[in-house]
Protein backbone atom coordinates (compact mmCIF):
# COMPACT_ATOMS: atom_id res chain seq x y z
CA THR A 1 76.83 -4.60 -33.13
CA ASN A 2 78.15 -7.06 -35.64
CA ALA A 3 81.27 -5.16 -37.14
CA GLY A 4 79.77 -4.93 -40.80
CA ASP A 5 76.27 -2.94 -39.26
CA GLY A 6 78.75 -0.47 -37.81
CA ALA A 7 78.34 1.21 -34.33
CA ARG A 8 75.19 2.06 -32.91
CA VAL A 9 74.12 4.95 -30.79
CA THR A 10 71.24 4.08 -28.66
CA ARG A 11 69.97 7.24 -27.45
CA LEU A 12 71.43 11.09 -28.12
CA SER A 13 69.19 13.57 -25.91
CA VAL A 14 70.01 17.12 -25.44
CA SER A 15 68.17 18.83 -22.28
CA ARG A 16 65.54 21.49 -24.06
CA TRP A 17 67.66 24.36 -22.38
CA HIS A 18 70.54 23.43 -24.45
CA ARG A 19 69.17 22.99 -27.87
CA ARG A 20 69.80 24.53 -31.12
CA ARG A 21 73.63 25.61 -29.60
CA GLY A 22 75.99 23.27 -31.08
CA VAL A 23 75.40 20.04 -28.34
CA GLY A 24 73.69 18.28 -30.21
CA ARG A 25 76.26 18.30 -33.28
CA ARG A 26 78.78 17.62 -30.71
CA LEU A 27 77.64 14.74 -29.50
CA LEU A 28 77.26 13.13 -32.76
CA ALA A 29 80.83 14.35 -33.40
CA PHE A 30 81.97 12.27 -30.53
CA ALA A 31 80.13 9.31 -31.51
CA GLU A 32 81.54 9.44 -34.76
CA SER A 33 84.95 9.54 -34.00
CA ARG A 34 84.38 6.64 -31.39
CA ALA A 35 82.89 4.78 -33.95
CA ARG A 36 85.75 5.24 -36.39
CA ALA A 37 88.14 4.35 -33.56
CA TRP A 38 85.92 1.07 -32.65
CA ALA A 39 86.03 0.20 -36.35
CA GLY A 40 89.83 0.59 -36.81
CA GLY A 41 89.97 -1.79 -33.29
CA MET A 42 87.85 -4.14 -35.03
CA GLY A 43 90.69 -3.81 -38.30
CA GLU A 44 87.55 -2.56 -40.02
CA PRO A 45 88.54 -0.25 -43.31
CA ARG A 46 85.53 2.12 -42.57
CA ALA A 47 83.44 2.97 -40.15
CA ARG A 48 79.50 3.45 -40.26
CA LEU A 49 77.39 4.86 -37.71
CA VAL A 50 73.65 4.19 -37.45
CA VAL A 51 71.43 6.73 -35.17
CA PRO A 52 67.60 5.57 -34.73
CA VAL A 53 65.46 8.32 -34.37
CA ALA A 54 61.54 8.87 -32.97
CA VAL A 55 59.56 9.62 -35.43
CA ALA A 56 57.88 12.93 -33.58
CA ALA A 57 61.82 13.77 -33.01
CA TRP A 58 61.02 15.67 -36.31
CA GLY A 59 64.86 18.38 -35.21
CA VAL A 60 66.68 15.58 -34.21
CA ALA A 61 66.18 13.88 -38.11
CA GLY A 62 66.58 17.76 -39.55
CA MET A 63 70.06 17.72 -37.41
CA LEU A 64 70.58 14.77 -38.97
CA GLU A 65 69.85 14.94 -42.25
CA GLY A 66 72.50 18.48 -42.32
CA CYS A 67 75.24 16.33 -40.70
CA GLY A 68 75.10 13.86 -43.69
CA TYR A 69 72.83 10.77 -42.73
CA GLN A 70 70.43 8.94 -44.77
CA ALA A 71 67.27 7.96 -43.71
CA GLU A 72 67.31 4.25 -44.29
CA GLY A 73 63.57 2.69 -42.85
CA GLY A 74 63.27 2.04 -39.15
CA TRP A 75 60.39 -0.14 -36.92
CA GLY A 76 57.50 0.29 -34.94
CA CYS A 77 54.31 -1.36 -34.20
CA MET A 78 50.84 -2.34 -36.16
CA GLY A 79 52.00 -0.88 -38.92
CA TYR A 80 52.88 2.89 -37.75
CA THR A 81 56.59 3.51 -38.01
CA LEU A 82 57.49 4.65 -34.77
CA VAL A 83 61.38 5.20 -34.93
CA ARG A 84 63.69 5.78 -38.03
CA GLU A 85 67.02 4.46 -38.60
CA PHE A 86 69.60 6.88 -40.19
CA SER A 87 72.87 6.08 -41.08
CA LYS A 88 76.26 7.44 -42.21
CA ASP A 89 79.57 5.62 -43.41
CA LEU A 90 82.19 7.73 -41.83
């Protein structure tokens, strides 16, 4: 993405057998550390991470909100929102 847009997670998935054990939070923490490193390499003073989430994935949305992410909009089809974007300034 453009430096001003921040880094973007294209997919974050945890097997149902490993959910609710902190795996998603650890993956998110890793993505945040990579976003910070990326921003530093681009000469940006701060990092931002954007995570798109399917509307049906309410568990992921709750985790992101619990980690300080805020919903900023999304996209869809025929007037229905299918994906919401969550972002956080790091």
